[in-house]
C-alpha atoms as a PDB file:
ATOM      1  CA  UNK A   1     -10.056  -2.701  -8.041  1.00  0.00           C
ATOM      2  CA  UNK A   2     -10.933  -3.642 -11.603  1.00  0.00           C
ATOM      3  CA  UNK A   3     -10.001  -7.298 -11.042  1.00  0.00           C
ATOM      4  CA  UNK A   4     -12.663  -7.800  -8.382  1.00  0.00           C
ATOM      5  CA  UNK A   5     -15.214  -5.808 -10.397  1.00  0.00           C
ATOM      6  CA  UNK A   6     -14.617  -8.072 -13.393  1.00  0.00           C
ATOM      7  CA  UNK A   7     -14.914 -11.195 -11.270  1.00  0.00           C
ATOM      8  CA  UNK A   8     -18.179 -10.019  -9.697  1.00  0.00           C
ATOM      9  CA  UNK A   9     -19.644  -9.338 -13.168  1.00  0.00           C
ATOM     10  CA  UNK A  10     -18.529 -12.817 -14.275  1.00  0.00           C
ATOM     11  CA  UNK A  11     -20.021 -14.408 -11.146  1.00  0.00           C
ATOM     12  CA  UNK A  12     -23.340 -12.593 -11.612  1.00  0.00           C
ATOM     13  CA  UNK A  13     -23.565 -13.696 -15.255  1.00  0.00           C
ATOM     14  CA  UNK A  14     -22.857 -17.348 -14.447  1.00  0.00           C
ATOM     15  CA  UNK A  15     -25.437 -17.344 -11.654  1.00  0.00           C
ATOM     16  CA  UNK A  16     -28.013 -15.701 -13.951  1.00  0.00           C
ATOM     17  CA  UNK A  17     -27.372 -18.235 -16.710  1.00  0.00           C
ATOM     18  CA  UNK A  18     -27.664 -21.103 -14.241  1.00  0.00           C
ATOM     19  CA  UNK A  19     -30.929 -19.709 -12.864  1.00  0.00           C
ATOM     20  CA  UNK A  20     -32.414 -19.308 -16.347  1.00  0.00           C
ATOM     21  CA  UNK A  21     -31.657 -22.741 -17.785  1.00  0.00           C
ATOM     22  CA  UNK A  22     -32.618 -26.261 -16.794  1.00  0.00           C
ATOM     23  CA  UNK A  23     -30.421 -28.059 -19.325  1.00  0.00           C
ATOM     24  CA  UNK A  24     -27.144 -27.901 -17.477  1.00  0.00           C
ATOM     25  CA  UNK A  25     -25.280 -25.862 -14.955  1.00  0.00           C
ATOM     26  CA  UNK A  26     -22.183 -23.823 -15.722  1.00  0.00           C
ATOM     27  CA  UNK A  27     -19.433 -24.090 -13.143  1.00  0.00           C
ATOM     28  CA  UNK A  28     -18.223 -20.914 -11.532  1.00  0.00           C
ATOM     29  CA  UNK A  29     -14.438 -20.698 -11.653  1.00  0.00           C
ATOM     30  CA  UNK A  30     -13.015 -20.156  -8.150  1.00  0.00           C
ATOM     31  CA  UNK A  31     -11.638 -16.709  -7.488  1.00  0.00           C
ATOM     32  CA  UNK A  32      -8.184 -18.076  -6.693  1.00  0.00           C
ATOM     33  CA  UNK A  33      -8.038 -19.665 -10.172  1.00  0.00           C
ATOM     34  CA  UNK A  34      -8.426 -16.248 -11.798  1.00  0.00           C
ATOM     35  CA  UNK A  35      -5.281 -14.849 -10.170  1.00  0.00           C
ATOM     36  CA  UNK A  36      -1.787 -15.059 -11.686  1.00  0.00           C
ATOM     37  CA  UNK A  37      -0.189 -18.162 -10.148  1.00  0.00           C
ATOM     38  CA  UNK A  38       2.535 -16.440  -8.072  1.00  0.00           C
ATOM     39  CA  UNK A  39       0.231 -13.832  -6.558  1.00  0.00           C
ATOM     40  CA  UNK A  40      -1.740 -16.191  -4.257  1.00  0.00           C
ATOM     41  CA  UNK A  41       1.520 -17.488  -2.804  1.00  0.00           C
ATOM     42  CA  UNK A  42       2.663 -13.978  -1.872  1.00  0.00           C
ATOM     43  CA  UNK A  43      -0.749 -12.974  -0.536  1.00  0.00           C
ATOM     44  CA  UNK A  44      -0.985 -16.126   1.584  1.00  0.00           C
ATOM     45  CA  UNK A  45       2.542 -15.730   2.929  1.00  0.00           C
ATOM     46  CA  UNK A  46       2.465 -12.014   3.742  1.00  0.00           C
ATOM     47  CA  UNK A  47      -1.179 -10.964   4.090  1.00  0.00           C
ATOM     48  CA  UNK A  48      -3.205 -14.011   5.146  1.00  0.00           C
ATOM     49  CA  UNK A  49      -0.242 -15.628   6.936  1.00  0.00           C
ATOM     50  CA  UNK A  50      -1.261 -19.186   6.137  1.00  0.00           C
ATOM     51  CA  UNK A  51      -0.384 -21.840   3.547  1.00  0.00           C
ATOM     52  CA  UNK A  52      -2.084 -21.440   0.171  1.00  0.00           C
ATOM     53  CA  UNK A  53      -3.964 -24.733   0.554  1.00  0.00           C
ATOM     54  CA  UNK A  54      -5.664 -23.432   3.716  1.00  0.00           C
ATOM     55  CA  UNK A  55      -7.034 -20.284   2.022  1.00  0.00           C
ATOM     56  CA  UNK A  56     -10.743 -20.679   1.289  1.00  0.00           C
ATOM     57  CA  UNK A  57     -12.814 -19.046  -1.447  1.00  0.00           C
ATOM     58  CA  UNK A  58     -14.451 -16.868   1.196  1.00  0.00           C
ATOM     59  CA  UNK A  59     -11.045 -15.647   2.424  1.00  0.00           C
ATOM     60  CA  UNK A  60     -10.138 -14.593  -1.132  1.00  0.00           C
ATOM     61  CA  UNK A  61     -13.403 -12.683  -1.551  1.00  0.00           C
ATOM     62  CA  UNK A  62     -12.959 -10.907   1.776  1.00  0.00           C
ATOM     63  CA  UNK A  63      -9.336 -10.059   0.937  1.00  0.00           C
ATOM     64  CA  UNK A  64     -10.120  -8.520  -2.461  1.00  0.00           C
ATOM     65  CA  UNK A  65     -13.339  -6.794  -1.407  1.00  0.00           C
ATOM     66  CA  UNK A  66     -11.491  -5.203   1.535  1.00  0.00           C
ATOM     67  CA  UNK A  67      -9.534  -3.192  -1.039  1.00  0.00           C
ATOM     68  CA  UNK A  68     -12.711  -1.402  -2.129  1.00  0.00           C
ATOM     69  CA  UNK A  69     -13.213   0.235   1.272  1.00  0.00           C
ATOM     70  CA  UNK A  70     -11.138   3.259   2.075  1.00  0.00           C
ATOM     71  CA  UNK A  71     -10.485   4.202   5.650  1.00  0.00           C
ATOM     72  CA  UNK A  72      -9.955   7.945   5.995  1.00  0.00           C
ATOM     73  CA  UNK A  73      -8.443   7.400   9.431  1.00  0.00           C
ATOM     74  CA  UNK A  74      -5.462   5.737   7.777  1.00  0.00           C
ATOM     75  CA  UNK A  75      -4.922   8.804   5.589  1.00  0.00           C
ATOM     76  CA  UNK A  76      -5.220  11.125   8.581  1.00  0.00           C
ATOM     77  CA  UNK A  77      -2.665   9.042  10.494  1.00  0.00           C
ATOM     78  CA  UNK A  78      -0.348   9.093   7.485  1.00  0.00           C
ATOM     79  CA  UNK A  79      -0.694  12.874   7.105  1.00  0.00           C
ATOM     80  CA  UNK A  80       0.117  13.359  10.800  1.00  0.00           C
ATOM     81  CA  UNK A  81       3.211  11.172  10.498  1.00  0.00           C
ATOM     82  CA  UNK A  82       4.330  13.033   7.362  1.00  0.00           C
ATOM     83  CA  UNK A  83       4.145  16.414   9.121  1.00  0.00           C
ATOM     84  CA  UNK A  84       6.800  15.328  11.585  1.00  0.00           C
ATOM     85  CA  UNK A  85       9.259  14.332   8.845  1.00  0.00           C
ATOM     86  CA  UNK A  86      12.037  16.727   7.902  1.00  0.00           C
ATOM     87  CA  UNK A  87      14.784  16.597   5.345  1.00  0.00           C
ATOM     88  CA  UNK A  88      18.287  17.953   5.748  1.00  0.00           C
ATOM     89  CA  UNK A  89      18.954  19.790   2.481  1.00  0.00           C
ATOM     90  CA  UNK A  90      22.451  20.911   3.391  1.00  0.00           C
ATOM     91  CA  UNK A  91      24.989  18.945   1.394  1.00  0.00           C
ATOM     92  CA  UNK A  92      27.762  17.480   3.495  1.00  0.00           C
ATOM     93  CA  UNK A  93      30.310  18.000   0.724  1.00  0.00           C
ATOM     94  CA  UNK A  94      29.363  21.639  -0.030  1.00  0.00           C
ATOM     95  CA  UNK A  95      32.063  22.944   2.303  1.00  0.00           C
ATOM     96  CA  UNK A  96      34.703  20.682   0.717  1.00  0.00           C
ATOM     97  CA  UNK A  97      34.326  22.267  -2.723  1.00  0.00           C
ATOM     98  CA  UNK A  98      34.525  25.739  -1.269  1.00  0.00           C
ATOM     99  CA  UNK A  99      37.761  24.902   0.548  1.00  0.00           C
ATOM    100  CA  UNK A 100      39.321  23.542  -2.665  1.00  0.00           C
ATOM    101  CA  UNK A 101      38.499  26.728  -4.597  1.00  0.00           C
ATOM    102  CA  UNK A 102      40.004  28.932  -1.883  1.00  0.00           C
ATOM    103  CA  UNK A 103      43.239  26.897  -1.725  1.00  0.00           C
END
């Protein structure tokens, strides 16, 4: 999750600079402005299930920070589902070639 790590470093630096100076305040760029322009549309449509204009800065932070947590239960559920999968390795046309050679 290097994107969110980079943004958090940027946010910390801006807040530190603003705390240490009385001349002027630097504006913190919103998280959604740091994302490639088509990505928020897809995330809003499929993940957040709301129009892009309704997504708040807090929603973006929660969405990207959620990717840092791993849930081992999901991996255990995936492993259990994978155990039940099988693959038929017998080729349906293998008998056809054998019949042609014998003829």
